[in-house]
Amino acid sequence: MKTVSVTMRVEPQLKAQAEFLCEQMGLTLSTAYTMMLKAIVRTGSIPFEIKADSFYSEANQRHLQAAIRRLEAGEGEEHELIEC
């Protein structure tokens, strides 16, 4: 079957990480991309969930800005960030 080349730009570290993981699975990046493209065509969708981080939603940003204004006005209480 005839093939075409696809050119894309990614960060070098991301490419290296993906190549390493694909190699661990016995795949090349080219094979992994082909698998993903076939899944897109077969399902008519991206084969994994894509969603925005709610931290950056307009409502949350408004809430954070209001909290910052309250703190700057001497109201409220500052808390440490807890990583989950």
N, C-alpha and C. Protein backbone atom coordinates (compact mmCIF):
# COMPACT_ATOMS: atom_id res chain seq x y z
N MET A 1 0.84 -1.17 0.00
CA MET A 1 0.00 0.00 0.00
C MET A 1 0.90 1.24 0.00
N LYS A 2 0.56 2.21 -0.83
CA LYS A 2 1.31 3.45 -0.90
C LYS A 2 1.09 4.26 0.37
N THR A 3 2.14 4.94 0.85
CA THR A 3 2.03 5.77 2.05
C THR A 3 2.51 7.18 1.74
N VAL A 4 2.18 8.11 2.63
CA VAL A 4 2.65 9.49 2.53
C VAL A 4 3.34 9.86 3.83
N SER A 5 4.17 10.86 3.79
CA SER A 5 4.84 11.35 4.99
C SER A 5 3.97 12.41 5.65
N VAL A 6 3.97 12.42 6.99
CA VAL A 6 3.26 13.42 7.77
C VAL A 6 4.30 14.11 8.62
N THR A 7 4.33 15.43 8.56
CA THR A 7 5.29 16.20 9.35
C THR A 7 4.55 16.91 10.46
N MET A 8 5.09 16.82 11.67
CA MET A 8 4.49 17.52 12.80
C MET A 8 5.60 18.02 13.71
N ARG A 9 5.29 19.06 14.46
CA ARG A 9 6.28 19.64 15.35
C ARG A 9 5.87 19.35 16.79
N VAL A 10 6.80 18.79 17.56
CA VAL A 10 6.59 18.52 18.99
C VAL A 10 7.88 18.85 19.73
N GLU A 11 7.75 19.02 21.02
CA GLU A 11 8.94 19.28 21.83
C GLU A 11 9.83 18.04 21.82
N PRO A 12 11.15 18.24 21.75
CA PRO A 12 12.07 17.09 21.69
C PRO A 12 11.90 16.11 22.85
N GLN A 13 11.69 16.63 24.06
CA GLN A 13 11.56 15.74 25.22
C GLN A 13 10.29 14.90 25.10
N LEU A 14 9.21 15.49 24.62
CA LEU A 14 7.96 14.74 24.44
C LEU A 14 8.16 13.61 23.42
N LYS A 15 8.83 13.93 22.33
CA LYS A 15 9.09 12.92 21.30
C LYS A 15 9.94 11.78 21.87
N ALA A 16 10.98 12.13 22.62
CA ALA A 16 11.86 11.10 23.19
C ALA A 16 11.09 10.21 24.17
N GLN A 17 10.26 10.82 25.01
CA GLN A 17 9.46 10.04 25.96
C GLN A 17 8.51 9.10 25.23
N ALA A 18 7.85 9.61 24.19
CA ALA A 18 6.91 8.79 23.43
C ALA A 18 7.64 7.66 22.71
N GLU A 19 8.80 7.96 22.13
CA GLU A 19 9.58 6.92 21.46
C GLU A 19 9.99 5.83 22.44
N PHE A 20 10.43 6.22 23.64
CA PHE A 20 10.85 5.25 24.65
C PHE A 20 9.68 4.34 25.03
N LEU A 21 8.51 4.94 25.29
CA LEU A 21 7.35 4.13 25.69
C LEU A 21 6.88 3.23 24.55
N CYS A 22 6.87 3.76 23.34
CA CYS A 22 6.47 2.93 22.20
C CYS A 22 7.42 1.76 22.04
N GLU A 23 8.71 2.02 22.20
CA GLU A 23 9.70 0.95 22.09
C GLU A 23 9.43 -0.15 23.13
N GLN A 24 9.05 0.25 24.34
CA GLN A 24 8.74 -0.71 25.39
C GLN A 24 7.55 -1.60 25.00
N MET A 25 6.68 -1.07 24.14
CA MET A 25 5.51 -1.83 23.69
C MET A 25 5.75 -2.52 22.36
N GLY A 26 6.99 -2.43 21.84
CA GLY A 26 7.31 -3.06 20.57
C GLY A 26 6.79 -2.29 19.37
N LEU A 27 6.59 -0.98 19.54
CA LEU A 27 6.06 -0.14 18.46
C LEU A 27 7.06 0.94 18.08
N THR A 28 6.88 1.49 16.91
CA THR A 28 7.57 2.72 16.52
C THR A 28 6.56 3.86 16.66
N LEU A 29 7.06 5.10 16.67
CA LEU A 29 6.13 6.23 16.69
C LEU A 29 5.23 6.20 15.45
N SER A 30 5.80 5.84 14.33
CA SER A 30 5.01 5.78 13.09
C SER A 30 3.85 4.79 13.23
N THR A 31 4.13 3.63 13.81
CA THR A 31 3.08 2.63 14.02
C THR A 31 2.03 3.15 15.00
N ALA A 32 2.47 3.82 16.08
CA ALA A 32 1.53 4.36 17.06
C ALA A 32 0.65 5.43 16.44
N TYR A 33 1.24 6.32 15.62
CA TYR A 33 0.44 7.34 14.94
C TYR A 33 -0.57 6.69 14.01
N THR A 34 -0.14 5.68 13.27
CA THR A 34 -1.05 4.99 12.35
C THR A 34 -2.20 4.35 13.11
N MET A 35 -1.90 3.74 14.27
CA MET A 35 -2.95 3.14 15.09
C MET A 35 -3.95 4.20 15.54
N MET A 36 -3.45 5.37 15.96
CA MET A 36 -4.34 6.43 16.41
C MET A 36 -5.20 6.94 15.25
N LEU A 37 -4.59 7.16 14.09
CA LEU A 37 -5.35 7.63 12.94
C LEU A 37 -6.43 6.64 12.53
N LYS A 38 -6.11 5.35 12.56
CA LYS A 38 -7.11 4.33 12.23
C LYS A 38 -8.25 4.34 13.24
N ALA A 39 -7.93 4.56 14.53
CA ALA A 39 -8.97 4.62 15.56
C ALA A 39 -9.85 5.86 15.35
N ILE A 40 -9.26 6.98 14.96
CA ILE A 40 -10.04 8.19 14.67
C ILE A 40 -11.01 7.93 13.53
N VAL A 41 -10.52 7.31 12.46
CA VAL A 41 -11.37 7.03 11.31
C VAL A 41 -12.46 6.01 11.66
N ARG A 42 -12.07 4.96 12.40
CA ARG A 42 -13.02 3.90 12.75
C ARG A 42 -14.14 4.42 13.66
N THR A 43 -13.79 5.24 14.64
CA THR A 43 -14.78 5.69 15.63
C THR A 43 -15.40 7.04 15.29
N GLY A 44 -14.76 7.78 14.40
CA GLY A 44 -15.26 9.13 14.09
C GLY A 44 -15.03 10.10 15.24
N SER A 45 -14.05 9.78 16.10
CA SER A 45 -13.76 10.64 17.24
C SER A 45 -12.31 10.46 17.65
N ILE A 46 -11.85 11.33 18.54
CA ILE A 46 -10.51 11.17 19.12
C ILE A 46 -10.62 9.99 20.09
N PRO A 47 -9.68 9.04 20.04
CA PRO A 47 -9.83 7.81 20.82
C PRO A 47 -9.45 7.93 22.31
N PHE A 48 -9.51 9.13 22.84
CA PHE A 48 -9.30 9.34 24.27
C PHE A 48 -10.01 10.62 24.66
N GLU A 49 -10.31 10.75 25.95
CA GLU A 49 -11.05 11.91 26.43
C GLU A 49 -10.16 13.15 26.43
N ILE A 50 -10.72 14.25 25.91
CA ILE A 50 -10.04 15.53 25.92
C ILE A 50 -10.97 16.50 26.64
N LYS A 51 -10.46 17.13 27.69
CA LYS A 51 -11.30 18.09 28.39
C LYS A 51 -10.42 19.19 28.95
N ALA A 52 -11.03 20.33 29.15
CA ALA A 52 -10.31 21.48 29.69
C ALA A 52 -10.15 21.33 31.19
N ASP A 53 -9.08 21.88 31.71
CA ASP A 53 -8.85 21.91 33.15
C ASP A 53 -9.78 22.96 33.74
N SER A 54 -10.67 22.56 34.65
CA SER A 54 -11.66 23.48 35.22
C SER A 54 -11.01 24.61 36.01
N PHE A 55 -9.75 24.45 36.39
CA PHE A 55 -9.05 25.53 37.09
C PHE A 55 -9.06 26.80 36.25
N TYR A 56 -8.98 26.66 34.93
CA TYR A 56 -8.88 27.81 34.03
C TYR A 56 -10.24 28.31 33.53
N SER A 57 -11.33 27.75 34.04
CA SER A 57 -12.66 28.20 33.61
C SER A 57 -12.87 29.65 34.02
N GLU A 58 -13.72 30.36 33.28
CA GLU A 58 -14.01 31.76 33.60
C GLU A 58 -14.54 31.90 35.02
N ALA A 59 -15.44 31.02 35.43
CA ALA A 59 -16.04 31.11 36.76
C ALA A 59 -14.98 30.95 37.84
N ASN A 60 -14.07 30.00 37.69
CA ASN A 60 -13.04 29.79 38.71
C ASN A 60 -12.06 30.96 38.72
N GLN A 61 -11.73 31.49 37.56
CA GLN A 61 -10.81 32.62 37.52
C GLN A 61 -11.43 33.86 38.19
N ARG A 62 -12.74 34.07 37.99
CA ARG A 62 -13.43 35.17 38.68
C ARG A 62 -13.38 34.96 40.19
N HIS A 63 -13.64 33.73 40.62
CA HIS A 63 -13.59 33.40 42.05
C HIS A 63 -12.20 33.67 42.63
N LEU A 64 -11.16 33.25 41.93
CA LEU A 64 -9.79 33.47 42.39
C LEU A 64 -9.44 34.95 42.45
N GLN A 65 -9.85 35.70 41.43
CA GLN A 65 -9.56 37.14 41.43
C GLN A 65 -10.25 37.84 42.60
N ALA A 66 -11.49 37.45 42.87
CA ALA A 66 -12.22 38.02 44.01
C ALA A 66 -11.52 37.68 45.32
N ALA A 67 -11.05 36.45 45.46
CA ALA A 67 -10.34 36.03 46.66
C ALA A 67 -9.04 36.82 46.82
N ILE A 68 -8.35 37.06 45.73
CA ILE A 68 -7.11 37.85 45.78
C ILE A 68 -7.41 39.27 46.23
N ARG A 69 -8.49 39.86 45.69
CA ARG A 69 -8.86 41.22 46.10
C ARG A 69 -9.17 41.27 47.60
N ARG A 70 -9.88 40.24 48.10
CA ARG A 70 -10.20 40.21 49.52
C ARG A 70 -8.92 40.10 50.36
N LEU A 71 -8.00 39.24 49.95
CA LEU A 71 -6.74 39.09 50.68
C LEU A 71 -5.94 40.39 50.67
N GLU A 72 -5.89 41.05 49.51
CA GLU A 72 -5.15 42.31 49.41
C GLU A 72 -5.80 43.40 50.26
N ALA A 73 -7.10 43.29 50.49
CA ALA A 73 -7.82 44.26 51.33
C ALA A 73 -7.72 43.90 52.81
N GLY A 74 -7.00 42.83 53.12
CA GLY A 74 -6.83 42.42 54.50
C GLY A 74 -7.95 41.55 55.02
N GLU A 75 -8.79 41.08 54.14
CA GLU A 75 -9.90 40.19 54.53
C GLU A 75 -9.53 38.75 54.18
N GLY A 76 -10.18 37.82 54.80
CA GLY A 76 -9.97 36.42 54.46
C GLY A 76 -8.71 35.86 55.09
N GLU A 77 -8.37 34.67 54.68
CA GLU A 77 -7.24 33.96 55.26
C GLU A 77 -6.50 33.22 54.16
N GLU A 78 -5.18 33.30 54.17
CA GLU A 78 -4.37 32.62 53.17
C GLU A 78 -4.10 31.19 53.61
N HIS A 79 -4.18 30.24 52.69
CA HIS A 79 -3.95 28.83 52.99
C HIS A 79 -2.83 28.30 52.11
N GLU A 80 -2.15 27.28 52.59
CA GLU A 80 -1.12 26.62 51.79
C GLU A 80 -1.78 25.74 50.74
N LEU A 81 -1.16 25.62 49.60
CA LEU A 81 -1.65 24.74 48.54
C LEU A 81 -1.32 23.30 48.91
N ILE A 82 -2.30 22.45 48.80
CA ILE A 82 -2.11 21.02 49.09
C ILE A 82 -2.12 20.28 47.76
N GLU A 83 -1.02 19.63 47.42
CA GLU A 83 -0.93 18.85 46.19
C GLU A 83 -1.60 17.51 46.39
N CYS A 84 -2.41 17.10 45.44
CA CYS A 84 -3.09 15.81 45.51
C CYS A 84 -2.42 14.82 44.61
